[in-house]
Amino acid sequence: MTNGASRRVIEKCGFQFTGQDLSPSAYFRTVVAIDRFSLDRRTWESLRRWQPVRIGEDRDGAPPPDPEPGVGLRAAS
């Protein structure tokens, strides 16, 4: 059984699928197939430096200027 949602999350975090393996499971009391993933150091460092885009701020972190009065507003009908 594969959890597709969890797999997508770890792949979006930069992990790369490296293959499948067998591992003992205490819960199922048998050997189960598992997916193996790895994250190389270069990818980790790149993701660590990444800064999310903040909506409403320019590159210096300043908020956008206030709009001119009446600009972009619709008259109530």
PDB file of N, CA and C in Angstrom:
ATOM      1  N   MET A   1       0.848  -1.174   0.000  1.00  0.00           N
ATOM      2  CA  MET A   1       0.000   0.000   0.000  1.00  0.00           C
ATOM      3  C   MET A   1       0.898   1.243   0.000  1.00  0.00           C
ATOM      4  N   THR A   2       0.569   2.212  -0.851  1.00  0.00           N
ATOM      5  CA  THR A   2       1.351   3.428  -0.956  1.00  0.00           C
ATOM      6  C   THR A   2       0.498   4.621  -0.560  1.00  0.00           C
ATOM      7  N   ASN A   3       1.084   5.520   0.214  1.00  0.00           N
ATOM      8  CA  ASN A   3       0.397   6.754   0.588  1.00  0.00           C
ATOM      9  C   ASN A   3       0.856   7.837  -0.381  1.00  0.00           C
ATOM     10  N   GLY A   4       0.078   8.057  -1.429  1.00  0.00           N
ATOM     11  CA  GLY A   4       0.447   9.002  -2.476  1.00  0.00           C
ATOM     12  C   GLY A   4       0.601  10.431  -1.983  1.00  0.00           C
ATOM     13  N   ALA A   5      -0.259  10.846  -1.056  1.00  0.00           N
ATOM     14  CA  ALA A   5      -0.179  12.217  -0.543  1.00  0.00           C
ATOM     15  C   ALA A   5       1.126  12.444   0.207  1.00  0.00           C
ATOM     16  N   SER A   6       1.514  11.496   1.053  1.00  0.00           N
ATOM     17  CA  SER A   6       2.775  11.628   1.786  1.00  0.00           C
ATOM     18  C   SER A   6       3.963  11.618   0.835  1.00  0.00           C
ATOM     19  N   ARG A   7       3.886  10.789  -0.176  1.00  0.00           N
ATOM     20  CA  ARG A   7       4.978  10.720  -1.154  1.00  0.00           C
ATOM     21  C   ARG A   7       5.141  12.062  -1.868  1.00  0.00           C
ATOM     22  N   ARG A   8       4.036  12.690  -2.254  1.00  0.00           N
ATOM     23  CA  ARG A   8       4.114  13.993  -2.925  1.00  0.00           C
ATOM     24  C   ARG A   8       4.719  15.047  -2.003  1.00  0.00           C
ATOM     25  N   VAL A   9       4.387  15.003  -0.723  1.00  0.00           N
ATOM     26  CA  VAL A   9       4.925  15.980   0.229  1.00  0.00           C
ATOM     27  C   VAL A   9       6.439  15.845   0.327  1.00  0.00           C
ATOM     28  N   ILE A  10       6.950  14.636   0.510  1.00  0.00           N
ATOM     29  CA  ILE A  10       8.402  14.503   0.659  1.00  0.00           C
ATOM     30  C   ILE A  10       9.132  14.804  -0.645  1.00  0.00           C
ATOM     31  N   GLU A  11       8.493  14.528  -1.790  1.00  0.00           N
ATOM     32  CA  GLU A  11       9.126  14.882  -3.064  1.00  0.00           C
ATOM     33  C   GLU A  11       9.164  16.403  -3.239  1.00  0.00           C
ATOM     34  N   LYS A  12       8.122  17.106  -2.809  1.00  0.00           N
ATOM     35  CA  LYS A  12       8.121  18.573  -2.875  1.00  0.00           C
ATOM     36  C   LYS A  12       9.155  19.174  -1.931  1.00  0.00           C
ATOM     37  N   CYS A  13       9.520  18.425  -0.896  1.00  0.00           N
ATOM     38  CA  CYS A  13      10.544  18.885   0.048  1.00  0.00           C
ATOM     39  C   CYS A  13      11.954  18.617  -0.468  1.00  0.00           C
ATOM     40  N   GLY A  14      12.088  18.048  -1.656  1.00  0.00           N
ATOM     41  CA  GLY A  14      13.393  17.847  -2.259  1.00  0.00           C
ATOM     42  C   GLY A  14      13.930  16.433  -2.209  1.00  0.00           C
ATOM     43  N   PHE A  15      13.219  15.517  -1.579  1.00  0.00           N
ATOM     44  CA  PHE A  15      13.691  14.141  -1.496  1.00  0.00           C
ATOM     45  C   PHE A  15      13.544  13.450  -2.849  1.00  0.00           C
ATOM     46  N   GLN A  16      14.496  12.595  -3.169  1.00  0.00           N
ATOM     47  CA  GLN A  16      14.499  11.846  -4.417  1.00  0.00           C
ATOM     48  C   GLN A  16      14.248  10.372  -4.118  1.00  0.00           C
ATOM     49  N   PHE A  17      13.379   9.737  -4.896  1.00  0.00           N
ATOM     50  CA  PHE A  17      13.112   8.314  -4.753  1.00  0.00           C
ATOM     51  C   PHE A  17      14.361   7.543  -5.164  1.00  0.00           C
ATOM     52  N   THR A  18      14.824   6.623  -4.309  1.00  0.00           N
ATOM     53  CA  THR A  18      16.027   5.852  -4.622  1.00  0.00           C
ATOM     54  C   THR A  18      15.748   4.373  -4.847  1.00  0.00           C
ATOM     55  N   GLY A  19      14.529   3.928  -4.542  1.00  0.00           N
ATOM     56  CA  GLY A  19      14.182   2.535  -4.797  1.00  0.00           C
ATOM     57  C   GLY A  19      13.328   1.940  -3.702  1.00  0.00           C
ATOM     58  N   GLN A  20      13.052   0.643  -3.870  1.00  0.00           N
ATOM     59  CA  GLN A  20      12.259  -0.075  -2.882  1.00  0.00           C
ATOM     60  C   GLN A  20      13.127  -1.101  -2.178  1.00  0.00           C
ATOM     61  N   ASP A  21      12.688  -1.475  -0.999  1.00  0.00           N
ATOM     62  CA  ASP A  21      13.426  -2.440  -0.194  1.00  0.00           C
ATOM     63  C   ASP A  21      12.405  -3.213   0.629  1.00  0.00           C
ATOM     64  N   LEU A  22      12.856  -4.243   1.312  1.00  0.00           N
ATOM     65  CA  LEU A  22      12.020  -4.997   2.233  1.00  0.00           C
ATOM     66  C   LEU A  22      12.511  -4.729   3.646  1.00  0.00           C
ATOM     67  N   SER A  23      11.563  -4.577   4.571  1.00  0.00           N
ATOM     68  CA  SER A  23      11.912  -4.284   5.950  1.00  0.00           C
ATOM     69  C   SER A  23      10.923  -4.994   6.877  1.00  0.00           C
ATOM     70  N   PRO A  24      11.416  -5.485   8.022  1.00  0.00           N
ATOM     71  CA  PRO A  24      10.485  -6.128   8.954  1.00  0.00           C
ATOM     72  C   PRO A  24       9.538  -5.103   9.579  1.00  0.00           C
ATOM     73  N   SER A  25       8.288  -5.517   9.792  1.00  0.00           N
ATOM     74  CA  SER A  25       7.281  -4.661  10.401  1.00  0.00           C
ATOM     75  C   SER A  25       6.785  -5.324  11.681  1.00  0.00           C
ATOM     76  N   ALA A  26       6.940  -4.630  12.805  1.00  0.00           N
ATOM     77  CA  ALA A  26       6.432  -5.153  14.074  1.00  0.00           C
ATOM     78  C   ALA A  26       4.911  -5.143  14.077  1.00  0.00           C
ATOM     79  N   TYR A  27       4.305  -4.172  13.408  1.00  0.00           N
ATOM     80  CA  TYR A  27       2.848  -4.057  13.377  1.00  0.00           C
ATOM     81  C   TYR A  27       2.229  -5.224  12.605  1.00  0.00           C
ATOM     82  N   PHE A  28       2.744  -5.457  11.376  1.00  0.00           N
ATOM     83  CA  PHE A  28       2.190  -6.525  10.546  1.00  0.00           C
ATOM     84  C   PHE A  28       2.806  -7.894  10.848  1.00  0.00           C
ATOM     85  N   ARG A  29       3.878  -7.908  11.629  1.00  0.00           N
ATOM     86  CA  ARG A  29       4.595  -9.139  12.000  1.00  0.00           C
ATOM     87  C   ARG A  29       5.031  -9.931  10.775  1.00  0.00           C
ATOM     88  N   THR A  30       5.522  -9.185   9.793  1.00  0.00           N
ATOM     89  CA  THR A  30       6.040  -9.787   8.570  1.00  0.00           C
ATOM     90  C   THR A  30       6.978  -8.784   7.905  1.00  0.00           C
ATOM     91  N   VAL A  31       7.481  -9.142   6.766  1.00  0.00           N
ATOM     92  CA  VAL A  31       8.335  -8.249   5.997  1.00  0.00           C
ATOM     93  C   VAL A  31       7.463  -7.483   5.012  1.00  0.00           C
ATOM     94  N   VAL A  32       7.658  -6.161   4.930  1.00  0.00           N
ATOM     95  CA  VAL A  32       6.850  -5.323   4.042  1.00  0.00           C
ATOM     96  C   VAL A  32       7.757  -4.539   3.093  1.00  0.00           C
ATOM     97  N   ALA A  33       7.201  -4.175   1.959  1.00  0.00           N
ATOM     98  CA  ALA A  33       7.934  -3.353   0.994  1.00  0.00           C
ATOM     99  C   ALA A  33       7.909  -1.902   1.460  1.00  0.00           C
ATOM    100  N   ILE A  34       9.046  -1.230   1.366  1.00  0.00           N
ATOM    101  CA  ILE A  34       9.140   0.180   1.725  1.00  0.00           C
ATOM    102  C   ILE A  34       9.804   0.947   0.587  1.00  0.00           C
ATOM    103  N   ASP A  35       9.453   2.208   0.457  1.00  0.00           N
ATOM    104  CA  ASP A  35      10.102   3.089  -0.517  1.00  0.00           C
ATOM    105  C   ASP A  35      11.216   3.830   0.196  1.00  0.00           C
ATOM    106  N   ARG A  36      12.338   3.957  -0.467  1.00  0.00           N
ATOM    107  CA  ARG A  36      13.483   4.677   0.104  1.00  0.00           C
ATOM    108  C   ARG A  36      13.663   5.992  -0.648  1.00  0.00           C
ATOM    109  N   PHE A  37      13.948   7.052   0.126  1.00  0.00           N
ATOM    110  CA  PHE A  37      14.178   8.384  -0.427  1.00  0.00           C
ATOM    111  C   PHE A  37      15.454   8.940   0.180  1.00  0.00           C
ATOM    112  N   SER A  38      16.088   9.843  -0.547  1.00  0.00           N
ATOM    113  CA  SER A  38      17.276  10.502  -0.003  1.00  0.00           C
ATOM    114  C   SER A  38      17.222  11.988  -0.352  1.00  0.00           C
ATOM    115  N   LEU A  39      17.968  12.763   0.417  1.00  0.00           N
ATOM    116  CA  LEU A  39      18.077  14.204   0.199  1.00  0.00           C
ATOM    117  C   LEU A  39      19.554  14.537   0.219  1.00  0.00           C
ATOM    118  N   ASP A  40      20.100  14.920  -0.946  1.00  0.00           N
ATOM    119  CA  ASP A  40      21.532  15.216  -0.967  1.00  0.00           C
ATOM    120  C   ASP A  40      21.809  16.581  -0.344  1.00  0.00           C
ATOM    121  N   ARG A  41      23.026  16.763   0.098  1.00  0.00           N
ATOM    122  CA  ARG A  41      23.392  17.975   0.836  1.00  0.00           C
ATOM    123  C   ARG A  41      23.202  19.245   0.006  1.00  0.00           C
ATOM    124  N   ARG A  42      23.538  19.209  -1.266  1.00  0.00           N
ATOM    125  CA  ARG A  42      23.407  20.395  -2.120  1.00  0.00           C
ATOM    126  C   ARG A  42      21.947  20.851  -2.211  1.00  0.00           C
ATOM    127  N   THR A  43      21.031  19.899  -2.369  1.00  0.00           N
ATOM    128  CA  THR A  43      19.607  20.238  -2.421  1.00  0.00           C
ATOM    129  C   THR A  43      19.146  20.781  -1.080  1.00  0.00           C
ATOM    130  N   TRP A  44      19.571  20.145   0.002  1.00  0.00           N
ATOM    131  CA  TRP A  44      19.191  20.602   1.340  1.00  0.00           C
ATOM    132  C   TRP A  44      19.667  22.026   1.593  1.00  0.00           C
ATOM    133  N   GLU A  45      20.921  22.328   1.231  1.00  0.00           N
ATOM    134  CA  GLU A  45      21.451  23.675   1.439  1.00  0.00           C
ATOM    135  C   GLU A  45      20.695  24.694   0.599  1.00  0.00           C
ATOM    136  N   SER A  46      20.357  24.316  -0.623  1.00  0.00           N
ATOM    137  CA  SER A  46      19.615  25.217  -1.497  1.00  0.00           C
ATOM    138  C   SER A  46      18.232  25.512  -0.922  1.00  0.00           C
ATOM    139  N   LEU A  47      17.547  24.480  -0.456  1.00  0.00           N
ATOM    140  CA  LEU A  47      16.216  24.669   0.125  1.00  0.00           C
ATOM    141  C   LEU A  47      16.282  25.447   1.425  1.00  0.00           C
ATOM    142  N   ARG A  48      17.348  25.270   2.180  1.00  0.00           N
ATOM    143  CA  ARG A  48      17.507  25.962   3.456  1.00  0.00           C
ATOM    144  C   ARG A  48      17.651  27.471   3.266  1.00  0.00           C
ATOM    145  N   ARG A  49      18.284  27.882   2.161  1.00  0.00           N
ATOM    146  CA  ARG A  49      18.480  29.307   1.874  1.00  0.00           C
ATOM    147  C   ARG A  49      17.267  29.946   1.213  1.00  0.00           C
ATOM    148  N   TRP A  50      16.347  29.125   0.746  1.00  0.00           N
ATOM    149  CA  TRP A  50      15.195  29.619   0.015  1.00  0.00           C
ATOM    150  C   TRP A  50      14.313  30.469   0.912  1.00  0.00           C
ATOM    151  N   GLN A  51      13.873  31.595   0.396  1.00  0.00           N
ATOM    152  CA  GLN A  51      12.998  32.494   1.139  1.00  0.00           C
ATOM    153  C   GLN A  51      11.659  32.553   0.404  1.00  0.00           C
ATOM    154  N   PRO A  52      10.553  32.343   1.085  1.00  0.00           N
ATOM    155  CA  PRO A  52       9.255  32.398   0.417  1.00  0.00           C
ATOM    156  C   PRO A  52       8.927  33.813  -0.039  1.00  0.00           C
ATOM    157  N   VAL A  53       8.150  33.910  -1.096  1.00  0.00           N
ATOM    158  CA  VAL A  53       7.690  35.201  -1.597  1.00  0.00           C
ATOM    159  C   VAL A  53       6.587  35.676  -0.679  1.00  0.00           C
ATOM    160  N   ARG A  54       6.688  36.899  -0.250  1.00  0.00           N
ATOM    161  CA  ARG A  54       5.660  37.467   0.624  1.00  0.00           C
ATOM    162  C   ARG A  54       4.807  38.418  -0.199  1.00  0.00           C
ATOM    163  N   ILE A  55       3.559  38.088  -0.315  1.00  0.00           N
ATOM    164  CA  ILE A  55       2.639  38.904  -1.104  1.00  0.00           C
ATOM    165  C   ILE A  55       2.410  40.215  -0.375  1.00  0.00           C
ATOM    166  N   GLY A  56       2.524  41.306  -1.106  1.00  0.00           N
ATOM    167  CA  GLY A  56       2.288  42.612  -0.509  1.00  0.00           C
ATOM    168  C   GLY A  56       3.570  43.293  -0.060  1.00  0.00           C
ATOM    169  N   GLU A  57       4.730  42.715  -0.333  1.00  0.00           N
ATOM    170  CA  GLU A  57       6.009  43.339   0.019  1.00  0.00           C
ATOM    171  C   GLU A  57       6.879  43.389  -1.230  1.00  0.00           C
ATOM    172  N   ASP A  58       7.721  44.408  -1.301  1.00  0.00           N
ATOM    173  CA  ASP A  58       8.664  44.442  -2.407  1.00  0.00           C
ATOM    174  C   ASP A  58       9.935  43.706  -1.985  1.00  0.00           C
ATOM    175  N   ARG A  59      10.958  43.746  -2.797  1.00  0.00           N
ATOM    176  CA  ARG A  59      12.188  42.995  -2.512  1.00  0.00           C
ATOM    177  C   ARG A  59      12.886  43.452  -1.242  1.00  0.00           C
ATOM    178  N   ASP A  60      12.682  44.712  -0.844  1.00  0.00           N
ATOM    179  CA  ASP A  60      13.323  45.224   0.374  1.00  0.00           C
ATOM    180  C   ASP A  60      12.501  44.912   1.621  1.00  0.00           C
ATOM    181  N   GLY A  61      11.337  44.291   1.433  1.00  0.00           N
ATOM    182  CA  GLY A  61      10.486  43.960   2.569  1.00  0.00           C
ATOM    183  C   GLY A  61       9.526  45.070   2.948  1.00  0.00           C
ATOM    184  N   ALA A  62       9.506  46.153   2.154  1.00  0.00           N
ATOM    185  CA  ALA A  62       8.614  47.271   2.455  1.00  0.00           C
ATOM    186  C   ALA A  62       7.205  46.948   1.956  1.00  0.00           C
ATOM    187  N   PRO A  63       6.187  47.360   2.687  1.00  0.00           N
ATOM    188  CA  PRO A  63       4.819  47.114   2.217  1.00  0.00           C
ATOM    189  C   PRO A  63       4.531  47.967   0.989  1.00  0.00           C
ATOM    190  N   PRO A  64       3.552  47.577   0.189  1.00  0.00           N
ATOM    191  CA  PRO A  64       3.230  48.369  -1.010  1.00  0.00           C
ATOM    192  C   PRO A  64       2.640  49.714  -0.611  1.00  0.00           C
ATOM    193  N   PRO A  65       2.760  50.723  -1.473  1.00  0.00           N
ATOM    194  CA  PRO A  65       2.183  52.035  -1.155  1.00  0.00           C
ATOM    195  C   PRO A  65       0.663  51.953  -1.141  1.00  0.00           C
ATOM    196  N   ASP A  66       0.053  52.845  -0.376  1.00  0.00           N
ATOM    197  CA  ASP A  66      -1.415  52.903  -0.346  1.00  0.00           C
ATOM    198  C   ASP A  66      -1.925  53.320  -1.717  1.00  0.00           C
ATOM    199  N   PRO A  67      -3.030  52.716  -2.165  1.00  0.00           N
ATOM    200  CA  PRO A  67      -3.572  53.108  -3.471  1.00  0.00           C
ATOM    201  C   PRO A  67      -4.150  54.517  -3.402  1.00  0.00           C
ATOM    202  N   GLU A  68      -4.233  55.160  -4.560  1.00  0.00           N
ATOM    203  CA  GLU A  68      -4.840  56.479  -4.620  1.00  0.00           C
ATOM    204  C   GLU A  68      -6.313  56.362  -4.292  1.00  0.00           C
ATOM    205  N   PRO A  69      -6.875  57.369  -3.654  1.00  0.00           N
ATOM    206  CA  PRO A  69      -8.293  57.301  -3.295  1.00  0.00           C
ATOM    207  C   PRO A  69      -9.155  57.086  -4.540  1.00  0.00           C
ATOM    208  N   GLY A  70     -10.057  56.141  -4.474  1.00  0.00           N
ATOM    209  CA  GLY A  70     -10.983  55.881  -5.561  1.00  0.00           C
ATOM    210  C   GLY A  70     -10.442  54.979  -6.655  1.00  0.00           C
ATOM    211  N   VAL A  71      -9.140  54.679  -6.657  1.00  0.00           N
ATOM    212  CA  VAL A  71      -8.575  53.844  -7.703  1.00  0.00           C
ATOM    213  C   VAL A  71      -8.836  52.394  -7.352  1.00  0.00           C
ATOM    214  N   GLY A  72      -9.422  51.668  -8.291  1.00  0.00           N
ATOM    215  CA  GLY A  72      -9.674  50.258  -8.094  1.00  0.00           C
ATOM    216  C   GLY A  72     -10.940  49.952  -7.311  1.00  0.00           C
ATOM    217  N   LEU A  73     -11.689  50.983  -6.933  1.00  0.00           N
ATOM    218  CA  LEU A  73     -12.914  50.752  -6.184  1.00  0.00           C
ATOM    219  C   LEU A  73     -14.097  50.860  -7.130  1.00  0.00           C
ATOM    220  N   ARG A  74     -15.100  50.039  -6.898  1.00  0.00           N
ATOM    221  CA  ARG A  74     -16.304  50.092  -7.708  1.00  0.00           C
ATOM    222  C   ARG A  74     -17.393  50.840  -6.939  1.00  0.00           C
ATOM    223  N   ALA A  75     -18.185  51.512  -7.662  1.00  0.00           N
ATOM    224  CA  ALA A  75     -19.323  52.205  -7.030  1.00  0.00           C
ATOM    225  C   ALA A  75     -20.346  51.167  -6.619  1.00  0.00           C
ATOM    226  N   ALA A  76     -20.940  51.370  -5.461  1.00  0.00           N
ATOM    227  CA  ALA A  76     -21.987  50.450  -4.996  1.00  0.00           C
ATOM    228  C   ALA A  76     -23.208  50.606  -5.881  1.00  0.00           C
ATOM    229  N   SER A  77     -23.823  49.476  -6.225  1.00  0.00           N
ATOM    230  CA  SER A  77     -25.020  49.561  -7.073  1.00  0.00           C
ATOM    231  C   SER A  77     -26.247  49.132  -6.328  1.00  0.00           C
TER     232      SER A  77
END
